[in-house]
Amino acid sequence: APHGPSQQAVISQALAAAGAPPGALTGLELHGTGTPLGDPIELNAALTVLCPRLGRGRDGHDPGPCLGLHAVKTLVGHVEPAAGGAGLHSTLMRIRSLVLPPLLGLGVLNPLMTDSFSAASRGLHAAKQPGPQACCAPGTLSGTSAFAFQGTNAHALVRSAQGCQGQSPGTRP
């Protein structure tokens, strides 16, 4: 079974290695296998680490949806040993296009995830249709998680080389 504390540790280690605070992420590519147990464990583990990003902004105002969630498996299925590479590619394309792809099949939320989404609803965004990236600023930082059956956990961070200001979603620089 997935192990939440190990997933928390690998996300925390990636942030520390990058010198980035938890609130720096604006996008998260979930491993997202679609299993009733694994997805809630993954989401809860990620939110435990990234929670400072959610809620109120520094000025006390609601920042709106600022952590765009995606799982490429909803578009291409589980590509087994290439799943981490597919997730990283999805993250790179999302940063480049400024579009948050839809989570296909997102209809009814898993009851084990309801509390997570309710508690953090002002900070999470999971698209049902393609749409603009939730938060975009120079140096946008996104994370990609990959977890293997035998217990290997990985998390990679990708920072955009260019700012997003002045670009419209879907256009290329």
N, C-alpha and C. Protein backbone atom coordinates (compact mmCIF):
# COMPACT_ATOMS: atom_id res chain seq x y z
N ALA A 1 0.84 -1.20 0.00
CA ALA A 1 0.00 0.00 0.00
C ALA A 1 0.88 1.25 0.00
N PRO A 2 0.39 2.34 -0.55
CA PRO A 2 1.15 3.58 -0.54
C PRO A 2 1.44 4.02 0.90
N HIS A 3 2.55 4.70 1.09
CA HIS A 3 2.97 5.13 2.42
C HIS A 3 3.08 6.65 2.45
N GLY A 4 2.08 7.30 3.04
CA GLY A 4 2.02 8.76 3.08
C GLY A 4 3.25 9.43 3.66
N PRO A 5 3.77 8.98 4.82
CA PRO A 5 4.96 9.63 5.38
C PRO A 5 6.17 9.59 4.44
N SER A 6 6.33 8.50 3.69
CA SER A 6 7.45 8.44 2.73
C SER A 6 7.23 9.42 1.59
N GLN A 7 5.98 9.57 1.15
CA GLN A 7 5.68 10.53 0.09
C GLN A 7 5.90 11.96 0.60
N GLN A 8 5.52 12.23 1.84
CA GLN A 8 5.77 13.55 2.43
C GLN A 8 7.27 13.83 2.47
N ALA A 9 8.04 12.83 2.86
CA ALA A 9 9.49 13.01 3.00
C ALA A 9 10.14 13.34 1.66
N VAL A 10 9.75 12.65 0.59
CA VAL A 10 10.39 12.89 -0.70
C VAL A 10 10.02 14.27 -1.26
N ILE A 11 8.80 14.73 -1.02
CA ILE A 11 8.42 16.08 -1.46
C ILE A 11 9.19 17.12 -0.65
N SER A 12 9.29 16.92 0.66
CA SER A 12 10.04 17.84 1.52
C SER A 12 11.51 17.89 1.12
N GLN A 13 12.09 16.73 0.81
CA GLN A 13 13.50 16.68 0.40
C GLN A 13 13.72 17.41 -0.91
N ALA A 14 12.80 17.27 -1.85
CA ALA A 14 12.93 17.98 -3.14
C ALA A 14 12.87 19.49 -2.93
N LEU A 15 11.95 19.94 -2.09
CA LEU A 15 11.85 21.37 -1.80
C LEU A 15 13.12 21.88 -1.12
N ALA A 16 13.63 21.12 -0.16
CA ALA A 16 14.84 21.53 0.54
C ALA A 16 16.03 21.60 -0.41
N ALA A 17 16.16 20.61 -1.29
CA ALA A 17 17.27 20.59 -2.24
C ALA A 17 17.21 21.78 -3.19
N ALA A 18 16.00 22.23 -3.50
CA ALA A 18 15.83 23.37 -4.40
C ALA A 18 15.88 24.70 -3.65
N GLY A 19 15.91 24.64 -2.32
CA GLY A 19 15.89 25.87 -1.54
C GLY A 19 14.56 26.60 -1.67
N ALA A 20 13.49 25.84 -1.85
CA ALA A 20 12.17 26.43 -2.08
C ALA A 20 11.26 26.14 -0.90
N PRO A 21 10.51 27.14 -0.46
CA PRO A 21 9.53 26.90 0.60
C PRO A 21 8.34 26.13 0.05
N PRO A 22 7.58 25.44 0.90
CA PRO A 22 6.42 24.68 0.43
C PRO A 22 5.43 25.53 -0.38
N GLY A 23 5.30 26.79 -0.03
CA GLY A 23 4.36 27.66 -0.72
C GLY A 23 4.78 28.08 -2.10
N ALA A 24 5.95 27.66 -2.56
CA ALA A 24 6.44 28.09 -3.86
C ALA A 24 5.78 27.35 -5.02
N LEU A 25 5.24 26.18 -4.78
CA LEU A 25 4.66 25.39 -5.87
C LEU A 25 3.34 25.99 -6.35
N THR A 26 3.19 26.08 -7.67
CA THR A 26 1.92 26.51 -8.25
C THR A 26 1.26 25.39 -9.04
N GLY A 27 1.97 24.29 -9.23
CA GLY A 27 1.42 23.14 -9.94
C GLY A 27 1.94 21.85 -9.35
N LEU A 28 1.11 20.83 -9.36
CA LEU A 28 1.51 19.53 -8.84
C LEU A 28 0.97 18.44 -9.75
N GLU A 29 1.90 17.70 -10.35
CA GLU A 29 1.55 16.53 -11.16
C GLU A 29 1.52 15.34 -10.22
N LEU A 30 0.33 14.84 -9.98
CA LEU A 30 0.15 13.71 -9.07
C LEU A 30 0.48 12.40 -9.78
N HIS A 31 0.93 11.42 -9.02
CA HIS A 31 1.13 10.09 -9.59
C HIS A 31 -0.23 9.55 -10.04
N GLY A 32 -1.25 9.79 -9.22
CA GLY A 32 -2.65 9.60 -9.58
C GLY A 32 -3.02 8.32 -10.30
N THR A 33 -2.94 7.21 -9.63
CA THR A 33 -3.27 5.94 -10.27
C THR A 33 -4.76 5.69 -10.37
N GLY A 34 -5.55 6.49 -9.68
CA GLY A 34 -7.00 6.31 -9.72
C GLY A 34 -7.49 5.22 -8.78
N THR A 35 -6.66 4.80 -7.84
CA THR A 35 -7.10 3.77 -6.91
C THR A 35 -7.80 4.42 -5.72
N PRO A 36 -8.79 3.74 -5.15
CA PRO A 36 -9.56 4.34 -4.05
C PRO A 36 -8.73 4.63 -2.81
N LEU A 37 -7.64 3.91 -2.60
CA LEU A 37 -6.80 4.13 -1.43
C LEU A 37 -5.58 4.98 -1.75
N GLY A 38 -4.93 4.70 -2.88
CA GLY A 38 -3.67 5.37 -3.21
C GLY A 38 -3.81 6.86 -3.46
N ASP A 39 -4.83 7.28 -4.19
CA ASP A 39 -4.99 8.70 -4.49
C ASP A 39 -5.23 9.54 -3.24
N PRO A 40 -6.11 9.13 -2.31
CA PRO A 40 -6.27 9.93 -1.09
C PRO A 40 -4.99 10.00 -0.26
N ILE A 41 -4.24 8.90 -0.20
CA ILE A 41 -2.98 8.93 0.55
C ILE A 41 -2.02 9.92 -0.10
N GLU A 42 -1.93 9.89 -1.43
CA GLU A 42 -1.03 10.80 -2.13
C GLU A 42 -1.44 12.26 -1.95
N LEU A 43 -2.73 12.55 -2.13
CA LEU A 43 -3.19 13.93 -2.00
C LEU A 43 -2.98 14.44 -0.57
N ASN A 44 -3.34 13.63 0.41
CA ASN A 44 -3.17 14.06 1.80
C ASN A 44 -1.70 14.25 2.16
N ALA A 45 -0.82 13.38 1.64
CA ALA A 45 0.61 13.53 1.90
C ALA A 45 1.12 14.84 1.29
N ALA A 46 0.72 15.11 0.05
CA ALA A 46 1.17 16.34 -0.61
C ALA A 46 0.66 17.58 0.12
N LEU A 47 -0.61 17.56 0.52
CA LEU A 47 -1.18 18.73 1.20
C LEU A 47 -0.57 18.94 2.57
N THR A 48 -0.16 17.86 3.22
CA THR A 48 0.50 17.99 4.52
C THR A 48 1.78 18.80 4.37
N VAL A 49 2.52 18.57 3.29
CA VAL A 49 3.77 19.30 3.06
C VAL A 49 3.49 20.68 2.48
N LEU A 50 2.56 20.77 1.55
CA LEU A 50 2.34 22.01 0.81
C LEU A 50 1.30 22.92 1.44
N CYS A 51 0.74 22.53 2.55
CA CYS A 51 -0.35 23.25 3.20
C CYS A 51 -0.10 24.75 3.37
N PRO A 52 1.11 25.21 3.67
CA PRO A 52 1.29 26.66 3.81
C PRO A 52 0.92 27.44 2.56
N ARG A 53 0.91 26.78 1.41
CA ARG A 53 0.55 27.45 0.16
C ARG A 53 -0.94 27.72 0.08
N LEU A 54 -1.70 26.99 0.85
CA LEU A 54 -3.15 27.06 0.76
C LEU A 54 -3.71 28.02 1.80
N GLY A 55 -4.87 28.54 1.53
CA GLY A 55 -5.51 29.44 2.48
C GLY A 55 -5.31 30.89 2.11
N ARG A 56 -4.94 31.71 3.05
CA ARG A 56 -4.86 33.16 2.83
C ARG A 56 -3.47 33.58 2.37
N GLY A 57 -3.45 34.59 1.54
CA GLY A 57 -2.20 35.16 1.06
C GLY A 57 -1.53 36.00 2.14
N ARG A 58 -0.33 36.47 1.87
CA ARG A 58 0.42 37.25 2.86
C ARG A 58 -0.31 38.53 3.26
N ASP A 59 -1.09 39.09 2.33
CA ASP A 59 -1.79 40.33 2.64
C ASP A 59 -3.15 40.07 3.30
N GLY A 60 -3.46 38.80 3.59
CA GLY A 60 -4.71 38.47 4.26
C GLY A 60 -5.87 38.22 3.32
N HIS A 61 -5.66 38.41 2.01
CA HIS A 61 -6.72 38.17 1.04
C HIS A 61 -6.63 36.76 0.50
N ASP A 62 -7.76 36.26 0.08
CA ASP A 62 -7.81 34.92 -0.50
C ASP A 62 -7.07 34.95 -1.84
N PRO A 63 -6.02 34.14 -2.02
CA PRO A 63 -5.26 34.18 -3.26
C PRO A 63 -5.94 33.48 -4.42
N GLY A 64 -7.07 32.82 -4.18
CA GLY A 64 -7.73 32.07 -5.25
C GLY A 64 -7.03 30.74 -5.46
N PRO A 65 -7.42 30.01 -6.51
CA PRO A 65 -6.81 28.70 -6.73
C PRO A 65 -5.37 28.85 -7.17
N CYS A 66 -4.45 28.38 -6.35
CA CYS A 66 -3.03 28.59 -6.64
C CYS A 66 -2.22 27.31 -6.70
N LEU A 67 -2.82 26.18 -6.53
CA LEU A 67 -2.09 24.93 -6.69
C LEU A 67 -2.88 24.11 -7.69
N GLY A 68 -2.43 24.15 -8.93
CA GLY A 68 -3.10 23.40 -9.98
C GLY A 68 -2.72 21.93 -9.91
N LEU A 69 -3.71 21.06 -9.80
CA LEU A 69 -3.48 19.62 -9.70
C LEU A 69 -3.73 18.95 -11.05
N HIS A 70 -2.87 18.01 -11.38
CA HIS A 70 -3.07 17.25 -12.61
C HIS A 70 -2.49 15.86 -12.43
N ALA A 71 -2.99 14.92 -13.22
CA ALA A 71 -2.45 13.56 -13.27
C ALA A 71 -2.53 13.10 -14.73
N VAL A 72 -1.39 12.99 -15.38
CA VAL A 72 -1.37 12.65 -16.80
C VAL A 72 -2.01 11.29 -17.07
N LYS A 73 -2.05 10.43 -16.07
CA LYS A 73 -2.67 9.11 -16.27
C LYS A 73 -4.13 9.22 -16.69
N THR A 74 -4.80 10.33 -16.33
CA THR A 74 -6.19 10.49 -16.75
C THR A 74 -6.28 10.71 -18.26
N LEU A 75 -5.18 11.10 -18.88
CA LEU A 75 -5.17 11.33 -20.33
C LEU A 75 -4.60 10.16 -21.11
N VAL A 76 -3.58 9.48 -20.55
CA VAL A 76 -2.88 8.44 -21.32
C VAL A 76 -2.91 7.07 -20.68
N GLY A 77 -3.46 6.95 -19.49
CA GLY A 77 -3.44 5.67 -18.78
C GLY A 77 -2.13 5.50 -18.03
N HIS A 78 -1.97 4.35 -17.41
CA HIS A 78 -0.76 4.08 -16.64
C HIS A 78 0.27 3.46 -17.58
N VAL A 79 1.37 4.13 -17.77
CA VAL A 79 2.39 3.64 -18.69
C VAL A 79 3.52 2.94 -17.94
N GLU A 80 3.16 2.37 -16.78
CA GLU A 80 4.03 1.53 -15.95
C GLU A 80 5.41 2.16 -15.73
N PRO A 81 6.52 1.58 -16.26
CA PRO A 81 7.84 2.11 -15.91
C PRO A 81 8.11 3.51 -16.46
N ALA A 82 7.30 3.96 -17.39
CA ALA A 82 7.49 5.30 -17.95
C ALA A 82 6.60 6.34 -17.29
N ALA A 83 5.90 5.96 -16.21
CA ALA A 83 4.94 6.87 -15.57
C ALA A 83 5.60 8.15 -15.07
N GLY A 84 6.76 8.04 -14.45
CA GLY A 84 7.45 9.24 -13.96
C GLY A 84 7.85 10.16 -15.10
N GLY A 85 8.34 9.59 -16.20
CA GLY A 85 8.71 10.38 -17.37
C GLY A 85 7.50 11.06 -17.99
N ALA A 86 6.38 10.35 -18.04
CA ALA A 86 5.15 10.93 -18.58
C ALA A 86 4.68 12.09 -17.70
N GLY A 87 4.78 11.92 -16.38
CA GLY A 87 4.41 13.00 -15.47
C GLY A 87 5.30 14.21 -15.62
N LEU A 88 6.60 13.98 -15.75
CA LEU A 88 7.54 15.10 -15.94
C LEU A 88 7.26 15.82 -17.26
N HIS A 89 7.00 15.06 -18.32
CA HIS A 89 6.67 15.67 -19.61
C HIS A 89 5.41 16.51 -19.49
N SER A 90 4.40 16.00 -18.79
CA SER A 90 3.17 16.74 -18.59
C SER A 90 3.43 18.06 -17.86
N THR A 91 4.29 18.01 -16.85
CA THR A 91 4.64 19.22 -16.10
C THR A 91 5.32 20.23 -17.01
N LEU A 92 6.27 19.78 -17.82
CA LEU A 92 6.97 20.68 -18.73
C LEU A 92 6.01 21.33 -19.73
N MET A 93 5.09 20.54 -20.26
CA MET A 93 4.11 21.07 -21.22
C MET A 93 3.16 22.06 -20.54
N ARG A 94 2.78 21.76 -19.31
CA ARG A 94 1.88 22.66 -18.57
C ARG A 94 2.57 24.00 -18.32
N ILE A 95 3.83 23.98 -17.94
CA ILE A 95 4.56 25.23 -17.70
C ILE A 95 4.71 26.01 -19.00
N ARG A 96 5.01 25.30 -20.08
CA ARG A 96 5.23 25.98 -21.36
C ARG A 96 3.94 26.57 -21.93
N SER A 97 2.85 25.84 -21.84
CA SER A 97 1.60 26.29 -22.47
C SER A 97 0.75 27.17 -21.56
N LEU A 98 1.02 27.14 -20.26
CA LEU A 98 0.23 27.86 -19.25
C LEU A 98 -1.20 27.36 -19.18
N VAL A 99 -1.42 26.13 -19.61
CA VAL A 99 -2.76 25.54 -19.58
C VAL A 99 -2.76 24.36 -18.62
N LEU A 100 -3.76 24.34 -17.74
CA LEU A 100 -3.94 23.21 -16.83
C LEU A 100 -4.86 22.21 -17.53
N PRO A 101 -4.33 21.04 -17.91
CA PRO A 101 -5.18 20.05 -18.59
C PRO A 101 -6.25 19.51 -17.65
N PRO A 102 -7.30 18.95 -18.21
CA PRO A 102 -8.36 18.41 -17.37
C PRO A 102 -7.96 17.10 -16.70
N LEU A 103 -8.59 16.84 -15.59
CA LEU A 103 -8.51 15.52 -14.95
C LEU A 103 -9.70 14.75 -15.50
N LEU A 104 -9.46 14.00 -16.57
CA LEU A 104 -10.56 13.26 -17.19
C LEU A 104 -11.16 12.28 -16.20
N GLY A 105 -12.45 12.16 -16.25
CA GLY A 105 -13.14 11.23 -15.36
C GLY A 105 -13.42 11.81 -13.99
N LEU A 106 -13.04 13.08 -13.77
CA LEU A 106 -13.31 13.70 -12.48
C LEU A 106 -14.79 14.06 -12.44
N GLY A 107 -15.54 13.25 -11.76
CA GLY A 107 -16.98 13.48 -11.66
C GLY A 107 -17.38 13.52 -10.20
N VAL A 108 -17.22 12.41 -9.54
CA VAL A 108 -17.55 12.30 -8.13
C VAL A 108 -16.24 12.15 -7.36
N LEU A 109 -16.05 13.00 -6.39
CA LEU A 109 -14.83 12.98 -5.60
C LEU A 109 -14.82 11.78 -4.67
N ASN A 110 -13.70 11.10 -4.60
CA ASN A 110 -13.52 9.98 -3.68
C ASN A 110 -13.84 10.48 -2.26
N PRO A 111 -14.71 9.80 -1.52
CA PRO A 111 -15.07 10.25 -0.17
C PRO A 111 -13.86 10.42 0.75
N LEU A 112 -12.79 9.67 0.50
CA LEU A 112 -11.59 9.81 1.33
C LEU A 112 -10.80 11.08 1.01
N MET A 113 -11.21 11.80 -0.04
CA MET A 113 -10.53 13.04 -0.41
C MET A 113 -11.37 14.27 -0.12
N THR A 114 -12.62 14.08 0.23
CA THR A 114 -13.53 15.19 0.43
C THR A 114 -13.02 16.17 1.47
N ASP A 115 -12.56 15.66 2.61
CA ASP A 115 -12.07 16.55 3.66
C ASP A 115 -10.87 17.36 3.20
N SER A 116 -9.97 16.74 2.44
CA SER A 116 -8.79 17.45 1.95
C SER A 116 -9.19 18.59 1.03
N PHE A 117 -10.10 18.34 0.12
CA PHE A 117 -10.53 19.39 -0.79
C PHE A 117 -11.33 20.46 -0.06
N SER A 118 -12.14 20.07 0.92
CA SER A 118 -12.93 21.05 1.66
C SER A 118 -12.04 21.98 2.47
N ALA A 119 -11.05 21.41 3.16
CA ALA A 119 -10.18 22.21 4.01
C ALA A 119 -9.30 23.14 3.20
N ALA A 120 -8.98 22.76 1.98
CA ALA A 120 -8.04 23.55 1.19
C ALA A 120 -8.69 24.09 -0.08
N SER A 121 -10.01 24.13 -0.13
CA SER A 121 -10.69 24.42 -1.39
C SER A 121 -10.30 25.75 -2.01
N ARG A 122 -9.93 26.73 -1.21
CA ARG A 122 -9.56 28.01 -1.79
C ARG A 122 -8.21 27.98 -2.47
N GLY A 123 -7.42 26.95 -2.22
CA GLY A 123 -6.09 26.92 -2.79
C GLY A 123 -5.86 25.87 -3.85
N LEU A 124 -6.83 24.98 -4.06
CA LEU A 124 -6.65 23.88 -5.01
C LEU A 124 -7.46 24.12 -6.27
N HIS A 125 -6.91 23.65 -7.38
CA HIS A 125 -7.64 23.75 -8.64
C HIS A 125 -7.38 22.47 -9.42
N ALA A 126 -8.44 21.74 -9.71
CA ALA A 126 -8.37 20.56 -10.56
C ALA A 126 -9.37 20.78 -11.68
N ALA A 127 -8.89 20.88 -12.90
CA ALA A 127 -9.73 21.27 -14.02
C ALA A 127 -10.54 20.10 -14.57
N LYS A 128 -11.80 20.38 -14.91
CA LYS A 128 -12.62 19.41 -15.64
C LYS A 128 -12.52 19.68 -17.14
N GLN A 129 -12.13 20.89 -17.49
CA GLN A 129 -11.90 21.29 -18.88
C GLN A 129 -10.55 21.99 -18.93
N PRO A 130 -9.86 21.96 -20.08
CA PRO A 130 -8.59 22.69 -20.15
C PRO A 130 -8.82 24.16 -19.82
N GLY A 131 -7.90 24.73 -19.08
CA GLY A 131 -8.05 26.13 -18.72
C GLY A 131 -6.72 26.75 -18.36
N PRO A 132 -6.73 28.06 -18.13
CA PRO A 132 -5.48 28.75 -17.79
C PRO A 132 -4.86 28.18 -16.52
N GLN A 133 -3.54 28.15 -16.49
CA GLN A 133 -2.82 27.73 -15.29
C GLN A 133 -3.28 28.61 -14.15
N ALA A 134 -3.54 28.02 -13.00
CA ALA A 134 -4.13 28.74 -11.87
C ALA A 134 -3.30 29.95 -11.44
N CYS A 135 -2.04 29.78 -11.18
CA CYS A 135 -1.17 30.87 -10.77
C CYS A 135 0.06 30.84 -11.65
N CYS A 136 0.43 31.98 -12.14
CA CYS A 136 1.56 32.02 -13.03
C CYS A 136 2.34 33.29 -12.78
N ALA A 137 3.60 33.14 -12.51
CA ALA A 137 4.46 34.29 -12.26
C ALA A 137 5.87 33.91 -12.71
N PRO A 138 6.75 34.89 -12.84
CA PRO A 138 8.12 34.55 -13.21
C PRO A 138 8.70 33.52 -12.25
N GLY A 139 9.35 32.52 -12.81
CA GLY A 139 9.95 31.49 -11.98
C GLY A 139 8.96 30.49 -11.42
N THR A 140 7.83 30.30 -12.08
CA THR A 140 6.82 29.35 -11.62
C THR A 140 7.47 28.00 -11.33
N LEU A 141 7.13 27.42 -10.20
CA LEU A 141 7.70 26.14 -9.77
C LEU A 141 6.60 25.10 -9.68
N SER A 142 6.81 23.97 -10.35
CA SER A 142 5.86 22.86 -10.32
C SER A 142 6.56 21.60 -9.87
N GLY A 143 5.80 20.72 -9.25
CA GLY A 143 6.33 19.45 -8.77
C GLY A 143 5.70 18.28 -9.50
N THR A 144 6.46 17.19 -9.60
CA THR A 144 5.99 15.96 -10.21
C THR A 144 6.31 14.80 -9.29
N SER A 145 5.30 14.04 -8.91
CA SER A 145 5.50 12.88 -8.04
C SER A 145 5.42 11.59 -8.85
N ALA A 146 6.25 10.63 -8.46
CA ALA A 146 6.20 9.29 -9.06
C ALA A 146 6.49 8.29 -7.95
N PHE A 147 5.63 7.29 -7.83
CA PHE A 147 5.76 6.30 -6.78
C PHE A 147 5.64 4.91 -7.40
N ALA A 148 6.62 4.06 -7.15
CA ALA A 148 6.62 2.73 -7.75
C ALA A 148 6.09 1.69 -6.77
N PHE A 149 5.60 0.62 -7.33
CA PHE A 149 4.99 -0.46 -6.56
C PHE A 149 5.94 -1.02 -5.50
N GLN A 150 7.22 -1.14 -5.83
CA GLN A 150 8.17 -1.74 -4.90
C GLN A 150 8.62 -0.77 -3.81
N GLY A 151 8.10 0.47 -3.82
CA GLY A 151 8.39 1.40 -2.74
C GLY A 151 9.29 2.56 -3.11
N THR A 152 9.71 2.66 -4.35
CA THR A 152 10.53 3.80 -4.77
C THR A 152 9.65 5.03 -4.87
N ASN A 153 10.06 6.11 -4.21
CA ASN A 153 9.33 7.37 -4.26
C ASN A 153 10.24 8.43 -4.85
N ALA A 154 9.71 9.25 -5.74
CA ALA A 154 10.49 10.33 -6.35
C ALA A 154 9.62 11.57 -6.48
N HIS A 155 10.26 12.72 -6.39
CA HIS A 155 9.57 13.98 -6.62
C HIS A 155 10.57 14.93 -7.27
N ALA A 156 10.21 15.46 -8.43
CA ALA A 156 11.07 16.39 -9.16
C ALA A 156 10.40 17.76 -9.20
N LEU A 157 11.21 18.80 -9.10
CA LEU A 157 10.71 20.17 -9.21
C LEU A 157 11.23 20.77 -10.50
N VAL A 158 10.37 21.52 -11.18
CA VAL A 158 10.72 22.19 -12.42
C VAL A 158 10.33 23.66 -12.29
N ARG A 159 11.29 24.54 -12.56
CA ARG A 159 11.02 25.98 -12.51
C ARG A 159 11.00 26.52 -13.93
N SER A 160 10.02 27.35 -14.23
CA SER A 160 9.95 27.93 -15.57
C SER A 160 11.13 28.87 -15.77
N ALA A 161 11.67 28.85 -16.98
CA ALA A 161 12.81 29.71 -17.30
C ALA A 161 12.35 31.13 -17.59
N GLN A 162 11.09 31.28 -17.93
CA GLN A 162 10.56 32.58 -18.30
C GLN A 162 9.39 32.93 -17.41
N GLY A 163 9.12 34.20 -17.32
CA GLY A 163 7.93 34.63 -16.61
C GLY A 163 6.71 34.37 -17.45
N CYS A 164 5.57 34.42 -16.83
CA CYS A 164 4.32 34.16 -17.52
C CYS A 164 3.55 35.44 -17.77
N GLN A 165 3.99 36.53 -17.19
CA GLN A 165 3.22 37.76 -17.30
C GLN A 165 3.18 38.25 -18.74
N GLY A 166 2.02 38.70 -19.15
CA GLY A 166 1.87 39.24 -20.49
C GLY A 166 1.60 38.19 -21.54
N GLN A 167 1.65 36.92 -21.19
CA GLN A 167 1.36 35.86 -22.15
C GLN A 167 -0.07 35.41 -21.92
N SER A 168 -0.73 35.07 -22.98
CA SER A 168 -2.06 34.51 -22.80
C SER A 168 -1.93 32.99 -22.78
N PRO A 169 -2.79 32.32 -22.00
CA PRO A 169 -2.72 30.87 -21.92
C PRO A 169 -2.81 30.23 -23.30
N GLY A 170 -2.00 29.21 -23.50
CA GLY A 170 -2.03 28.47 -24.75
C GLY A 170 -1.09 29.01 -25.81
N THR A 171 -0.48 30.17 -25.57
CA THR A 171 0.46 30.71 -26.55
C THR A 171 1.88 30.33 -26.16
N ARG A 172 2.73 30.28 -27.13
CA ARG A 172 4.13 29.94 -26.86
C ARG A 172 4.96 31.21 -26.94
N PRO A 173 5.98 31.31 -26.07
CA PRO A 173 6.85 32.49 -26.13
C PRO A 173 7.69 32.50 -27.39
